[in-house]
Amino acid sequence: MQAKLVHKVVIKRNGSAVDWDSFRIQTAVFKAAINGKYADKPLHANMIANNVTKVVEKIIAELPDEKVASETVQNEVLKQLNDFDKEVARDFQAYKA
């Protein structure tokens, strides 16, 4: 299922603008978790991805600006991951690098 925030646009590092797509966050967090700490526990990886995505989506939705920098989103994902599981946060940073 793909969730979208109405009126939110993410400004990518190259300057292009894309519509908000929370599925991208969920996918990145899941891949980081499944390729790291939760390699043998896909349900746990999915649970973390879902929880982090919901929290980040809520935080981004409350921002006053319509446009959000991709760095802002990534920093919020890392912050939430650190709250959920520091090892997955480390795996996410490695995945994004």
N, C-alpha and C. Protein backbone atom coordinates (compact mmCIF):
# COMPACT_ATOMS: atom_id res chain seq x y z
N MET A 1 0.84 -1.17 0.00
CA MET A 1 0.00 0.00 0.00
C MET A 1 0.89 1.24 0.00
N GLN A 2 0.56 2.19 -0.81
CA GLN A 2 1.35 3.40 -0.95
C GLN A 2 0.58 4.57 -0.36
N ALA A 3 1.19 5.20 0.65
CA ALA A 3 0.55 6.35 1.27
C ALA A 3 1.19 7.62 0.74
N LYS A 4 0.37 8.63 0.52
CA LYS A 4 0.89 9.90 0.06
C LYS A 4 0.35 11.00 0.95
N LEU A 5 1.19 11.99 1.18
CA LEU A 5 0.76 13.17 1.91
C LEU A 5 0.34 14.20 0.88
N VAL A 6 -0.82 14.76 1.07
CA VAL A 6 -1.31 15.77 0.14
C VAL A 6 -0.47 17.04 0.32
N HIS A 7 -0.08 17.63 -0.78
CA HIS A 7 0.62 18.91 -0.80
C HIS A 7 2.03 18.85 -0.22
N LYS A 8 2.66 17.73 -0.21
CA LYS A 8 4.06 17.66 0.22
C LYS A 8 4.91 17.26 -0.98
N VAL A 9 6.00 17.98 -1.14
CA VAL A 9 6.94 17.72 -2.23
C VAL A 9 8.32 17.60 -1.60
N VAL A 10 9.08 16.62 -2.02
CA VAL A 10 10.44 16.43 -1.54
C VAL A 10 11.40 16.98 -2.59
N ILE A 11 12.30 17.84 -2.12
CA ILE A 11 13.32 18.39 -3.00
C ILE A 11 14.56 17.51 -2.87
N LYS A 12 14.88 16.82 -3.95
CA LYS A 12 16.02 15.90 -3.95
C LYS A 12 17.33 16.68 -4.00
N ARG A 13 18.42 15.98 -3.76
CA ARG A 13 19.74 16.62 -3.72
C ARG A 13 20.11 17.31 -5.04
N ASN A 14 19.62 16.77 -6.14
CA ASN A 14 19.93 17.37 -7.44
C ASN A 14 19.01 18.55 -7.78
N GLY A 15 18.11 18.89 -6.86
CA GLY A 15 17.22 20.03 -7.05
C GLY A 15 15.87 19.68 -7.63
N SER A 16 15.69 18.46 -8.10
CA SER A 16 14.40 18.08 -8.67
C SER A 16 13.38 17.87 -7.55
N ALA A 17 12.12 18.05 -7.89
CA ALA A 17 11.04 17.89 -6.93
C ALA A 17 10.23 16.65 -7.28
N VAL A 18 9.91 15.86 -6.25
CA VAL A 18 9.08 14.68 -6.43
C VAL A 18 7.98 14.70 -5.38
N ASP A 19 6.85 14.11 -5.71
CA ASP A 19 5.76 14.01 -4.74
C ASP A 19 6.18 13.11 -3.58
N TRP A 20 5.67 13.43 -2.40
CA TRP A 20 5.92 12.61 -1.21
C TRP A 20 5.45 11.20 -1.48
N ASP A 21 6.26 10.24 -1.10
CA ASP A 21 5.91 8.83 -1.26
C ASP A 21 6.50 8.06 -0.08
N SER A 22 5.68 7.78 0.91
CA SER A 22 6.17 7.12 2.13
C SER A 22 6.64 5.70 1.86
N PHE A 23 6.20 5.11 0.77
CA PHE A 23 6.64 3.76 0.44
C PHE A 23 8.14 3.71 0.20
N ARG A 24 8.71 4.80 -0.29
CA ARG A 24 10.16 4.85 -0.51
C ARG A 24 10.91 4.73 0.80
N ILE A 25 10.40 5.38 1.85
CA ILE A 25 11.02 5.29 3.17
C ILE A 25 10.89 3.87 3.69
N GLN A 26 9.69 3.34 3.61
CA GLN A 26 9.45 2.00 4.11
C GLN A 26 10.36 0.99 3.42
N THR A 27 10.51 1.11 2.12
CA THR A 27 11.36 0.19 1.36
C THR A 27 12.82 0.30 1.77
N ALA A 28 13.31 1.54 1.92
CA ALA A 28 14.72 1.74 2.28
C ALA A 28 15.01 1.20 3.68
N VAL A 29 14.11 1.45 4.62
CA VAL A 29 14.32 0.96 5.99
C VAL A 29 14.26 -0.57 6.01
N PHE A 30 13.30 -1.13 5.29
CA PHE A 30 13.19 -2.59 5.24
C PHE A 30 14.45 -3.22 4.65
N LYS A 31 14.94 -2.66 3.54
CA LYS A 31 16.14 -3.20 2.90
C LYS A 31 17.35 -3.12 3.84
N ALA A 32 17.46 -2.00 4.54
CA ALA A 32 18.57 -1.85 5.48
C ALA A 32 18.48 -2.90 6.59
N ALA A 33 17.29 -3.09 7.12
CA ALA A 33 17.09 -4.05 8.22
C ALA A 33 17.28 -5.49 7.76
N ILE A 34 16.75 -5.82 6.59
CA ILE A 34 16.81 -7.20 6.11
C ILE A 34 18.22 -7.55 5.64
N ASN A 35 19.00 -6.56 5.26
CA ASN A 35 20.38 -6.81 4.84
C ASN A 35 21.36 -6.64 5.98
N GLY A 36 20.84 -6.42 7.16
CA GLY A 36 21.69 -6.25 8.34
C GLY A 36 21.22 -7.15 9.48
N LYS A 37 20.86 -6.52 10.56
CA LYS A 37 20.52 -7.22 11.80
C LYS A 37 19.39 -8.24 11.64
N TYR A 38 18.40 -7.92 10.81
CA TYR A 38 17.23 -8.79 10.70
C TYR A 38 17.22 -9.62 9.42
N ALA A 39 18.39 -10.07 9.01
CA ALA A 39 18.48 -10.87 7.78
C ALA A 39 17.63 -12.13 7.84
N ASP A 40 17.49 -12.69 9.01
CA ASP A 40 16.70 -13.92 9.16
C ASP A 40 15.33 -13.66 9.79
N LYS A 41 14.94 -12.38 9.90
CA LYS A 41 13.65 -12.04 10.53
C LYS A 41 12.93 -10.97 9.71
N PRO A 42 12.39 -11.35 8.54
CA PRO A 42 11.74 -10.35 7.69
C PRO A 42 10.53 -9.69 8.33
N LEU A 43 9.82 -10.38 9.20
CA LEU A 43 8.67 -9.77 9.86
C LEU A 43 9.10 -8.65 10.80
N HIS A 44 10.20 -8.85 11.50
CA HIS A 44 10.73 -7.80 12.37
C HIS A 44 11.20 -6.61 11.54
N ALA A 45 11.88 -6.90 10.44
CA ALA A 45 12.35 -5.82 9.55
C ALA A 45 11.16 -5.02 9.02
N ASN A 46 10.11 -5.71 8.66
CA ASN A 46 8.91 -5.05 8.15
C ASN A 46 8.23 -4.22 9.23
N MET A 47 8.18 -4.75 10.45
CA MET A 47 7.57 -4.03 11.56
C MET A 47 8.30 -2.72 11.83
N ILE A 48 9.62 -2.77 11.86
CA ILE A 48 10.41 -1.56 12.08
C ILE A 48 10.18 -0.57 10.95
N ALA A 49 10.20 -1.06 9.72
CA ALA A 49 9.98 -0.19 8.57
C ALA A 49 8.61 0.49 8.64
N ASN A 50 7.59 -0.26 8.99
CA ASN A 50 6.24 0.31 9.09
C ASN A 50 6.16 1.35 10.20
N ASN A 51 6.70 1.03 11.36
CA ASN A 51 6.62 1.96 12.49
C ASN A 51 7.38 3.25 12.22
N VAL A 52 8.58 3.13 11.71
CA VAL A 52 9.38 4.32 11.41
C VAL A 52 8.69 5.17 10.34
N THR A 53 8.17 4.53 9.32
CA THR A 53 7.50 5.25 8.24
C THR A 53 6.30 6.03 8.76
N LYS A 54 5.50 5.43 9.61
CA LYS A 54 4.32 6.11 10.16
C LYS A 54 4.71 7.33 10.97
N VAL A 55 5.73 7.20 11.80
CA VAL A 55 6.16 8.32 12.64
C VAL A 55 6.73 9.44 11.77
N VAL A 56 7.59 9.09 10.83
CA VAL A 56 8.20 10.10 9.96
C VAL A 56 7.12 10.80 9.13
N GLU A 57 6.19 10.04 8.61
CA GLU A 57 5.12 10.63 7.81
C GLU A 57 4.32 11.64 8.62
N LYS A 58 4.03 11.31 9.86
CA LYS A 58 3.28 12.23 10.73
C LYS A 58 4.08 13.51 10.97
N ILE A 59 5.35 13.37 11.25
CA ILE A 59 6.21 14.53 11.52
C ILE A 59 6.30 15.42 10.28
N ILE A 60 6.51 14.83 9.12
CA ILE A 60 6.64 15.60 7.88
C ILE A 60 5.31 16.28 7.55
N ALA A 61 4.21 15.60 7.80
CA ALA A 61 2.89 16.19 7.52
C ALA A 61 2.65 17.44 8.35
N GLU A 62 3.24 17.50 9.53
CA GLU A 62 3.03 18.65 10.42
C GLU A 62 3.95 19.83 10.10
N LEU A 63 4.93 19.64 9.22
CA LEU A 63 5.80 20.75 8.84
C LEU A 63 4.98 21.78 8.06
N PRO A 64 5.24 23.06 8.29
CA PRO A 64 4.42 24.10 7.65
C PRO A 64 4.66 24.25 6.15
N ASP A 65 5.87 23.97 5.69
CA ASP A 65 6.17 24.16 4.27
C ASP A 65 5.67 23.01 3.42
N GLU A 66 5.30 23.35 2.20
CA GLU A 66 4.88 22.32 1.24
C GLU A 66 6.07 21.54 0.74
N LYS A 67 7.23 22.21 0.66
CA LYS A 67 8.44 21.58 0.15
C LYS A 67 9.34 21.18 1.31
N VAL A 68 9.88 19.96 1.21
CA VAL A 68 10.75 19.41 2.25
C VAL A 68 12.01 18.88 1.59
N ALA A 69 13.16 19.24 2.13
CA ALA A 69 14.43 18.76 1.58
C ALA A 69 14.59 17.27 1.89
N SER A 70 15.17 16.54 0.96
CA SER A 70 15.38 15.11 1.17
C SER A 70 16.26 14.86 2.40
N GLU A 71 17.18 15.78 2.68
CA GLU A 71 18.04 15.64 3.87
C GLU A 71 17.21 15.70 5.14
N THR A 72 16.18 16.54 5.15
CA THR A 72 15.29 16.63 6.31
C THR A 72 14.60 15.31 6.55
N VAL A 73 14.11 14.71 5.48
CA VAL A 73 13.43 13.42 5.59
C VAL A 73 14.42 12.35 6.08
N GLN A 74 15.59 12.30 5.46
CA GLN A 74 16.58 11.29 5.84
C GLN A 74 17.01 11.47 7.29
N ASN A 75 17.22 12.70 7.73
CA ASN A 75 17.60 12.93 9.12
C ASN A 75 16.51 12.49 10.09
N GLU A 76 15.27 12.71 9.72
CA GLU A 76 14.16 12.28 10.59
C GLU A 76 14.07 10.76 10.62
N VAL A 77 14.30 10.11 9.50
CA VAL A 77 14.30 8.64 9.47
C VAL A 77 15.39 8.12 10.40
N LEU A 78 16.59 8.69 10.31
CA LEU A 78 17.68 8.26 11.19
C LEU A 78 17.36 8.49 12.66
N LYS A 79 16.78 9.63 12.96
CA LYS A 79 16.40 9.93 14.34
C LYS A 79 15.42 8.88 14.87
N GLN A 80 14.41 8.57 14.10
CA GLN A 80 13.41 7.59 14.52
C GLN A 80 14.01 6.19 14.60
N LEU A 81 14.87 5.85 13.65
CA LEU A 81 15.52 4.54 13.69
C LEU A 81 16.38 4.40 14.94
N ASN A 82 17.07 5.47 15.32
CA ASN A 82 17.87 5.42 16.54
C ASN A 82 17.00 5.16 17.76
N ASP A 83 15.78 5.67 17.74
CA ASP A 83 14.84 5.42 18.85
C ASP A 83 14.35 3.97 18.84
N PHE A 84 14.15 3.41 17.64
CA PHE A 84 13.64 2.04 17.53
C PHE A 84 14.75 1.01 17.69
N ASP A 85 15.85 1.20 16.97
CA ASP A 85 16.90 0.18 16.96
C ASP A 85 18.19 0.79 16.38
N LYS A 86 19.16 1.03 17.23
CA LYS A 86 20.40 1.69 16.81
C LYS A 86 21.17 0.88 15.75
N GLU A 87 21.08 -0.43 15.82
CA GLU A 87 21.78 -1.25 14.82
C GLU A 87 21.17 -1.06 13.44
N VAL A 88 19.86 -0.98 13.37
CA VAL A 88 19.20 -0.77 12.08
C VAL A 88 19.50 0.64 11.58
N ALA A 89 19.62 1.60 12.49
CA ALA A 89 19.99 2.96 12.09
C ALA A 89 21.37 2.94 11.43
N ARG A 90 22.29 2.19 12.02
CA ARG A 90 23.63 2.06 11.44
C ARG A 90 23.55 1.38 10.06
N ASP A 91 22.74 0.33 9.97
CA ASP A 91 22.57 -0.38 8.70
C ASP A 91 21.94 0.55 7.64
N PHE A 92 21.02 1.42 8.08
CA PHE A 92 20.38 2.36 7.16
C PHE A 92 21.40 3.35 6.63
N GLN A 93 22.26 3.86 7.50
CA GLN A 93 23.30 4.78 7.05
C GLN A 93 24.23 4.11 6.05
N ALA A 94 24.57 2.88 6.29
CA ALA A 94 25.43 2.13 5.37
C ALA A 94 24.70 1.90 4.04
N TYR A 95 23.41 1.58 4.11
CA TYR A 95 22.61 1.34 2.91
C TYR A 95 22.53 2.60 2.05
N LYS A 96 22.36 3.75 2.70
CA LYS A 96 22.22 5.00 1.97
C LYS A 96 23.55 5.49 1.40
N ALA A 97 24.66 5.01 1.94
CA ALA A 97 25.99 5.48 1.48
C ALA A 97 26.42 4.81 0.23
